[in-house]
Amino acid sequence: MLAHETRLVLEAAREAWARGQRVALATVVRVFGSAYRREGAKMLAHEDGSATCMISGGCLEPEVVEVAKGVIASGSPRLVRYDLDEDVVWGLGLGCGGAVEVYIEPLEDGSLLARWLELQARGESAVLVTPLEGGEGRLLLREDGPPEGTLTPPALAGAAREAAASLLNESSPRARLQTLGGAQVFFDVSVPPPELVVFGAGHDAIPLVAQAQALGMRATVVDARPAYATAERFPGAQIVLAHPQDFPERLRLSRHSYVVIMNHHLQRDRECLAFALDSPAPYIGVLGPRSRFERLLDALAREGKQITPGDLARVRSPVGLDIGAEAPEEVAVSILAEVLAVQRGFSGGPLRERQGRIHQPQRA
């Protein structure tokens, strides 16, 4: 579930609690075949019959709300399977031909589930472990911090901790249902949203940063020119006013950072590229034609910079997907589509040429 969706769910839950109303949380825990949303999608159901967010294209929500009313009344969670066959839901706008299992449970203020939603809304790295069959209790495992909650039997708790740690080490972890020692365990994962780091605060960076934020990304703009790198031009973005020699002290790139270099200045681009190559950033996009990028590489080589095949595999130049983009707004779409593809392990090609499930990553 995206962080902004989690914030909507959490805000709606808090408003309901303040009014003395009860709510339940519905989470997609398993998908068979095709479905509108994937594992981890959530919807908040209110006892008055309203809902916040969606877990399908609109066909499941009324039924889930009805089940949630019973869950709220009884206080007991339910695991429900919904068939999405076209013949069953024809006329309701879905027709995916698959099925989903939805775990519906009470959501109470101060619970471990509410705590998990708070961490997810803040974009902290954590995993919520919920046994659906073959275990009892619940665990909240943070990347930084002690575990919270309990899970039995002890052997299951140990296996769950190992699986959660492995999940957090993935480049783009997703919620999933796993079988551990005969138990069915759902792992709901939260990681920081990707950070788009744009070197260069020119006019064409404005739509790129705005569209990245609309997709839920954090955005950082790096430029030494105070007249260009301003909050007015890039509302909501972090502004770093710095020359390349100041980058090591002023800027930190992580494995969640996706870099785009667009200074329109060869020397600054070269220095930014050298800095990015020394970081763990998984994606480094360089604006401009291939011949220009080769000039940058030649200049770095003359300076003694060692560039490995692994380094070059992270660099995209020309940057973006091949959609014929021309205007800055179109170029932004091209770049961000490529960023999402790299982040999630997809090729970025036409879906009609895709073999297998369209939501299954195809990592090299």
Protein backbone atom coordinates (compact mmCIF):
# COMPACT_ATOMS: atom_id res chain seq x y z
CA MET A 1 0.00 0.00 0.00
CA LEU A 2 1.28 3.44 -0.86
CA ALA A 3 2.24 5.75 1.99
CA HIS A 4 -0.28 8.43 1.01
CA GLU A 5 -3.09 5.82 1.03
CA THR A 6 -2.00 4.70 4.48
CA ARG A 7 -2.16 8.29 5.69
CA LEU A 8 -5.72 8.57 4.39
CA VAL A 9 -6.71 5.37 6.20
CA LEU A 10 -5.03 6.48 9.41
CA GLU A 11 -6.58 9.95 9.34
CA ALA A 12 -10.04 8.48 8.73
CA ALA A 13 -9.57 6.01 11.58
CA ARG A 14 -8.51 8.74 13.98
CA GLU A 15 -11.52 10.84 13.05
CA ALA A 16 -13.80 7.86 13.66
CA TRP A 17 -12.20 7.09 17.03
CA ALA A 18 -12.60 10.73 18.06
CA ARG A 19 -16.34 10.42 17.36
CA GLY A 20 -16.55 7.16 19.27
CA GLN A 21 -17.11 5.08 16.13
CA ARG A 22 -15.55 1.70 15.42
CA VAL A 23 -13.74 0.69 12.26
CA ALA A 24 -12.24 -2.38 10.62
CA LEU A 25 -9.30 -2.74 8.26
CA ALA A 26 -9.51 -4.95 5.17
CA THR A 27 -6.20 -6.09 3.65
CA VAL A 28 -5.67 -8.09 0.46
CA VAL A 29 -3.44 -10.98 1.58
CA ARG A 30 -3.46 -13.24 -1.47
CA VAL A 31 -4.23 -12.86 -5.17
CA PHE A 32 -5.00 -15.71 -7.54
CA GLY A 33 -4.65 -14.79 -11.21
CA SER A 34 -5.51 -11.20 -12.12
CA ALA A 35 -6.93 -8.58 -9.78
CA TYR A 36 -7.22 -4.80 -9.63
CA ARG A 37 -5.01 -4.44 -6.54
CA ARG A 38 -2.17 -6.57 -5.20
CA GLU A 39 -1.27 -7.99 -1.81
CA GLY A 40 -1.07 -5.29 0.84
CA ALA A 41 -3.86 -3.11 -0.56
CA LYS A 42 -6.09 -1.84 2.25
CA MET A 43 -9.50 -0.33 2.85
CA LEU A 44 -10.96 1.10 6.04
CA ALA A 45 -14.57 0.12 6.69
CA HIS A 46 -16.75 2.17 9.05
CA GLU A 47 -19.63 0.79 11.07
CA ASP A 48 -21.94 3.31 9.36
CA GLY A 49 -21.29 1.58 6.00
CA SER A 50 -18.83 4.08 4.54
CA ALA A 51 -15.29 3.25 3.45
CA THR A 52 -11.93 4.90 2.92
CA CYS A 53 -9.67 3.80 0.00
CA MET A 54 -10.32 0.81 -2.26
CA ILE A 55 -9.09 -2.75 -2.68
CA SER A 56 -10.67 -3.39 -6.10
CA GLY A 57 -12.12 -1.57 -9.07
CA GLY A 58 -15.32 -0.95 -7.12
CA CYS A 59 -17.03 -4.34 -7.10
CA LEU A 60 -15.76 -5.73 -3.79
CA GLU A 61 -16.09 -2.74 -1.51
CA PRO A 62 -19.84 -3.02 -0.68
CA GLU A 63 -19.51 -6.72 0.18
CA VAL A 64 -16.36 -6.14 2.25
CA VAL A 65 -18.10 -3.37 4.19
CA GLU A 66 -20.95 -5.74 5.05
CA VAL A 67 -18.52 -8.38 6.32
CA ALA A 68 -16.62 -5.69 8.21
CA LYS A 69 -19.77 -4.69 10.08
CA GLY A 70 -19.94 -8.21 11.46
CA VAL A 71 -16.24 -8.13 12.33
CA ILE A 72 -16.72 -4.87 14.20
CA ALA A 73 -19.70 -6.24 16.09
CA SER A 74 -18.01 -9.53 17.05
CA GLY A 75 -14.46 -8.25 17.49
CA SER A 76 -13.18 -11.32 15.62
CA PRO A 77 -11.22 -11.09 12.34
CA ARG A 78 -12.28 -12.98 9.22
CA LEU A 79 -10.45 -14.25 6.16
CA VAL A 80 -12.75 -14.10 3.13
CA ARG A 81 -12.17 -15.24 -0.45
CA TYR A 82 -13.79 -13.32 -3.31
CA ASP A 83 -14.09 -14.73 -6.80
CA LEU A 84 -13.50 -12.11 -9.50
CA ASP A 85 -14.74 -14.19 -12.41
CA GLU A 86 -16.33 -12.06 -15.14
CA ASP A 87 -19.52 -14.09 -15.03
CA VAL A 88 -19.84 -13.35 -11.32
CA VAL A 89 -19.06 -9.64 -11.32
CA TRP A 90 -20.14 -8.72 -14.87
CA GLY A 91 -21.48 -5.21 -14.99
CA LEU A 92 -19.49 -4.12 -11.94
CA GLY A 93 -16.48 -2.87 -13.84
CA LEU A 94 -13.87 -5.49 -12.94
CA GLY A 95 -13.88 -8.80 -14.83
CA CYS A 96 -10.28 -9.66 -13.92
CA GLY A 97 -10.87 -13.40 -13.97
CA GLY A 98 -8.98 -14.05 -10.71
CA ALA A 99 -9.69 -14.25 -7.00
CA VAL A 100 -8.50 -12.51 -3.84
CA GLU A 101 -8.38 -13.33 -0.16
CA VAL A 102 -9.09 -10.42 2.16
CA TYR A 103 -8.27 -10.35 5.87
CA ILE A 104 -10.77 -8.15 7.73
CA GLU A 105 -10.02 -7.23 11.35
CA PRO A 106 -10.99 -4.62 13.94
CA LEU A 107 -8.73 -1.57 14.02
CA GLU A 108 -8.43 -0.09 17.49
CA ASP A 109 -6.58 2.95 18.73
CA GLY A 110 -3.30 1.97 20.40
CA SER A 111 -3.19 -1.50 18.86
CA LEU A 112 -0.14 -3.01 17.18
CA LEU A 113 -2.00 -2.71 13.88
CA ALA A 114 -2.49 1.02 14.42
CA ARG A 115 1.18 1.32 15.34
CA TRP A 116 2.08 -0.41 12.06
CA LEU A 117 -0.04 2.02 10.07
CA GLU A 118 1.74 4.93 11.75
CA LEU A 119 5.15 3.55 10.75
CA GLN A 120 3.98 2.87 7.21
CA ALA A 121 2.51 6.37 6.87
CA ARG A 122 5.88 7.80 7.91
CA GLY A 123 7.67 5.58 5.40
CA GLU A 124 9.77 3.73 7.98
CA SER A 125 11.25 0.34 7.16
CA ALA A 126 9.25 -2.30 9.02
CA VAL A 127 7.39 -5.58 8.58
CA LEU A 128 4.12 -6.59 10.22
CA VAL A 129 3.89 -10.37 10.62
CA THR A 130 0.38 -11.83 10.90
CA PRO A 131 -0.26 -15.61 11.07
CA LEU A 132 -3.47 -16.43 9.25
CA GLU A 133 -3.27 -20.14 10.01
CA GLY A 134 -0.99 -22.21 12.25
CA GLY A 135 0.12 -19.52 14.68
CA GLU A 136 -1.03 -16.99 17.24
CA GLY A 137 -0.20 -13.37 17.99
CA ARG A 138 1.53 -10.79 15.85
CA LEU A 139 5.00 -9.29 15.40
CA LEU A 140 6.09 -5.82 14.30
CA LEU A 141 9.71 -5.88 13.19
CA ARG A 142 11.49 -2.60 12.48
CA GLU A 143 14.74 -2.18 10.60
CA ASP A 144 15.95 0.03 13.45
CA GLY A 145 14.50 -0.87 16.82
CA PRO A 146 13.44 -3.87 18.90
CA PRO A 147 10.60 -6.19 17.84
CA GLU A 148 7.14 -5.45 19.17
CA GLY A 149 4.43 -7.98 19.95
CA THR A 150 4.59 -11.75 20.34
CA LEU A 151 4.21 -14.70 18.01
CA THR A 152 3.81 -18.37 18.88
CA PRO A 153 4.98 -21.05 18.60
CA PRO A 154 8.60 -19.87 19.19
CA ALA A 155 9.89 -21.72 16.12
CA LEU A 156 7.46 -19.76 13.97
CA ALA A 157 8.59 -16.49 15.54
CA GLY A 158 12.22 -17.27 14.71
CA ALA A 159 11.44 -18.20 11.12
CA ALA A 160 9.29 -15.09 10.74
CA ARG A 161 12.12 -12.83 11.94
CA GLU A 162 14.49 -14.33 9.38
CA ALA A 163 11.96 -13.99 6.58
CA ALA A 164 11.21 -10.37 7.54
CA ALA A 165 14.91 -9.45 7.58
CA SER A 166 15.35 -11.00 4.14
CA LEU A 167 12.33 -9.10 2.87
CA LEU A 168 13.69 -5.75 4.03
CA ASN A 169 16.97 -6.42 2.21
CA GLU A 170 15.19 -6.64 -1.15
CA SER A 171 15.48 -3.61 -3.42
CA SER A 172 11.70 -3.32 -3.79
CA PRO A 173 10.00 -5.54 -1.19
CA ARG A 174 6.29 -6.28 -1.47
CA ALA A 175 3.68 -7.69 0.85
CA ARG A 176 3.31 -11.45 0.52
CA LEU A 177 1.84 -14.58 2.04
CA GLN A 178 4.38 -17.27 2.93
CA THR A 179 4.25 -20.80 4.29
CA LEU A 180 6.56 -21.25 7.28
CA GLY A 181 6.66 -24.68 8.86
CA GLY A 182 3.11 -25.40 7.82
CA ALA A 183 1.80 -22.01 9.00
CA GLN A 184 0.32 -19.44 6.63
CA VAL A 185 1.91 -16.09 7.50
CA PHE A 186 1.26 -12.71 5.90
CA PHE A 187 4.15 -10.25 5.73
CA ASP A 188 3.08 -6.64 5.25
CA VAL A 189 6.10 -4.54 4.40
CA SER A 190 6.85 -0.83 4.64
CA VAL A 191 9.91 0.89 3.20
CA PRO A 192 10.70 4.57 2.67
CA PRO A 193 9.20 5.96 -0.53
CA PRO A 194 11.78 6.34 -3.30
CA GLU A 195 13.63 9.63 -3.32
CA LEU A 196 14.11 11.43 -6.60
CA VAL A 197 17.31 13.49 -6.43
CA VAL A 198 17.52 16.02 -9.25
CA PHE A 199 20.83 17.74 -9.92
CA GLY A 200 19.89 20.95 -11.69
CA ALA A 201 17.06 23.37 -10.95
CA GLY A 202 16.33 24.46 -14.48
CA HIS A 203 12.89 24.95 -16.02
CA ASP A 204 12.63 21.34 -17.18
CA ALA A 205 13.19 20.08 -13.62
CA ILE A 206 9.97 21.70 -12.40
CA PRO A 207 7.47 19.23 -13.96
CA LEU A 208 9.77 16.30 -13.14
CA VAL A 209 9.80 17.15 -9.44
CA ALA A 210 6.08 17.94 -9.35
CA GLN A 211 5.10 14.68 -11.05
CA ALA A 212 7.43 12.67 -8.81
CA GLN A 213 5.73 14.09 -5.73
CA ALA A 214 2.32 13.34 -7.22
CA LEU A 215 3.46 9.70 -7.41
CA GLY A 216 4.30 9.71 -3.71
CA MET A 217 8.06 10.12 -4.09
CA ARG A 218 10.21 12.34 -1.95
CA ALA A 219 12.02 14.94 -4.03
CA THR A 220 15.36 16.67 -3.51
CA VAL A 221 16.65 19.41 -5.80
CA VAL A 222 20.39 20.12 -5.80
CA ASP A 223 21.80 23.29 -7.33
CA ALA A 224 24.24 26.03 -6.32
CA ARG A 225 22.09 28.84 -7.75
CA PRO A 226 19.76 30.34 -5.13
CA ALA A 227 17.69 32.09 -7.79
CA TYR A 228 16.75 28.74 -9.34
CA ALA A 229 16.60 26.28 -6.44
CA THR A 230 13.73 27.85 -4.50
CA ALA A 231 10.72 26.61 -2.58
CA GLU A 232 8.50 28.69 -4.88
CA ARG A 233 9.72 26.80 -7.96
CA PHE A 234 9.79 23.41 -6.22
CA PRO A 235 7.11 23.42 -3.50
CA GLY A 236 7.36 20.51 -1.11
CA ALA A 237 10.83 19.45 -2.27
CA GLN A 238 13.98 19.49 -0.18
CA ILE A 239 16.31 22.16 -1.53
CA VAL A 240 20.08 21.64 -1.27
CA LEU A 241 22.08 24.73 -2.24
CA ALA A 242 25.56 23.31 -2.75
CA HIS A 243 28.52 23.16 -5.10
CA PRO A 244 29.88 19.69 -6.00
CA GLN A 245 32.74 19.99 -3.52
CA ASP A 246 30.15 20.36 -0.77
CA PHE A 247 28.14 17.26 -1.71
CA PRO A 248 29.85 14.83 0.70
CA GLU A 249 28.87 17.00 3.67
CA ARG A 250 25.51 18.26 2.43
CA LEU A 251 23.98 15.30 0.61
CA ARG A 252 23.52 11.60 1.25
CA LEU A 253 22.42 9.21 -1.48
CA SER A 254 21.06 5.83 -0.39
CA ARG A 255 19.76 2.67 -2.05
CA HIS A 256 16.37 4.40 -2.08
CA SER A 257 17.72 7.38 -4.08
CA TYR A 258 17.00 7.69 -7.81
CA VAL A 259 19.23 10.29 -9.39
CA VAL A 260 18.59 12.47 -12.44
CA ILE A 261 21.41 14.73 -13.63
CA MET A 262 20.18 17.66 -15.70
CA ASN A 263 22.40 20.67 -15.06
CA HIS A 264 22.80 21.46 -18.79
CA HIS A 265 26.46 22.10 -17.96
CA LEU A 266 29.17 19.58 -18.82
CA GLN A 267 31.48 20.24 -15.87
CA ARG A 268 28.69 20.21 -13.28
CA ASP A 269 27.18 17.10 -14.86
CA ARG A 270 30.57 15.38 -14.72
CA GLU A 271 31.04 16.21 -11.05
CA CYS A 272 27.50 15.15 -10.19
CA LEU A 273 27.94 11.89 -12.10
CA ALA A 274 31.16 11.12 -10.24
CA PHE A 275 29.43 11.74 -6.91
CA ALA A 276 26.45 9.58 -7.83
CA LEU A 277 28.64 6.72 -9.05
CA ASP A 278 30.33 6.63 -5.63
CA SER A 279 26.95 6.16 -3.95
CA PRO A 280 24.64 3.12 -3.64
CA ALA A 281 21.94 4.84 -5.73
CA PRO A 282 20.39 2.13 -7.97
CA TYR A 283 19.46 4.51 -10.78
CA ILE A 284 21.46 7.37 -12.29
CA GLY A 285 19.81 9.11 -15.21
CA VAL A 286 21.80 11.59 -17.28
CA LEU A 287 19.90 13.97 -19.55
CA GLY A 288 21.25 14.44 -23.06
CA PRO A 289 22.29 12.37 -26.09
CA ARG A 290 24.51 9.29 -25.88
CA SER A 291 27.46 11.15 -27.43
CA ARG A 292 27.35 13.70 -24.60
CA PHE A 293 27.37 10.93 -21.99
CA GLU A 294 30.41 9.36 -23.67
CA ARG A 295 32.20 12.71 -23.37
CA LEU A 296 31.42 12.70 -19.65
CA LEU A 297 32.84 9.19 -19.29
CA ASP A 298 35.98 10.12 -21.23
CA ALA A 299 36.52 13.14 -18.98
CA LEU A 300 36.11 11.03 -15.84
CA ALA A 301 38.55 8.45 -17.20
CA ARG A 302 41.16 11.14 -17.85
CA GLU A 303 40.77 12.21 -14.24
CA GLY A 304 41.52 8.67 -13.12
CA LYS A 305 37.96 7.71 -12.19
CA GLN A 306 37.51 3.93 -12.24
CA ILE A 307 34.10 2.99 -13.65
CA THR A 308 33.08 -0.65 -13.51
CA PRO A 309 30.49 -2.50 -15.63
CA GLY A 310 28.32 -2.55 -12.50
CA ASP A 311 28.50 1.23 -12.32
CA LEU A 312 27.48 1.58 -15.95
CA ALA A 313 24.56 -0.79 -15.43
CA ARG A 314 23.04 1.74 -13.02
CA VAL A 315 23.34 4.64 -15.49
CA ARG A 316 20.60 5.47 -17.99
CA SER A 317 21.67 7.85 -20.75
CA PRO A 318 19.76 8.88 -22.72
CA VAL A 319 17.46 8.95 -19.73
CA GLY A 320 13.84 7.78 -19.82
CA LEU A 321 11.70 5.37 -21.78
CA ASP A 322 11.30 5.58 -25.54
CA ILE A 323 7.91 7.33 -25.87
CA GLY A 324 8.89 10.16 -28.19
CA ALA A 325 8.86 12.75 -25.40
CA GLU A 326 9.58 16.33 -26.41
CA ALA A 327 8.08 18.91 -24.02
CA PRO A 328 9.45 19.03 -20.44
CA GLU A 329 6.22 17.55 -19.10
CA GLU A 330 6.52 14.62 -21.52
CA VAL A 331 10.18 14.10 -20.68
CA ALA A 332 9.18 13.96 -17.00
CA VAL A 333 6.69 11.16 -17.77
CA SER A 334 9.38 9.25 -19.68
CA ILE A 335 11.92 9.57 -16.87
CA LEU A 336 9.56 8.70 -14.03
CA ALA A 337 8.20 5.68 -15.90
CA GLU A 338 11.76 4.39 -16.18
CA VAL A 339 12.42 5.12 -12.50
CA LEU A 340 9.34 3.13 -11.47
CA ALA A 341 10.32 0.24 -13.76
CA VAL A 342 13.82 0.07 -12.30
CA GLN A 343 12.60 0.43 -8.72
CA ARG A 344 10.07 -2.39 -9.09
CA GLY A 345 12.15 -4.70 -11.26
CA PHE A 346 10.30 -4.36 -14.56
CA SER A 347 11.56 -3.92 -18.12
CA GLY A 348 9.41 -0.93 -19.03
CA GLY A 349 8.37 -2.44 -22.37
CA PRO A 350 4.87 -2.81 -23.87
CA LEU A 351 2.57 -4.96 -21.75
CA ARG A 352 1.28 -6.80 -24.83
CA GLU A 353 4.77 -8.27 -25.28
CA ARG A 354 4.99 -9.34 -21.67
CA GLN A 355 5.10 -13.08 -20.96
CA GLY A 356 3.47 -14.26 -17.73
CA ARG A 357 1.78 -12.20 -15.03
CA ILE A 358 2.00 -8.46 -15.59
CA HIS A 359 2.52 -7.73 -11.89
CA GLN A 360 5.45 -10.13 -11.50
CA PRO A 361 8.85 -8.38 -11.57
CA GLN A 362 11.37 -9.46 -14.21
CA ARG A 363 14.66 -8.69 -12.59
CA ALA A 364 17.88 -9.40 -14.43
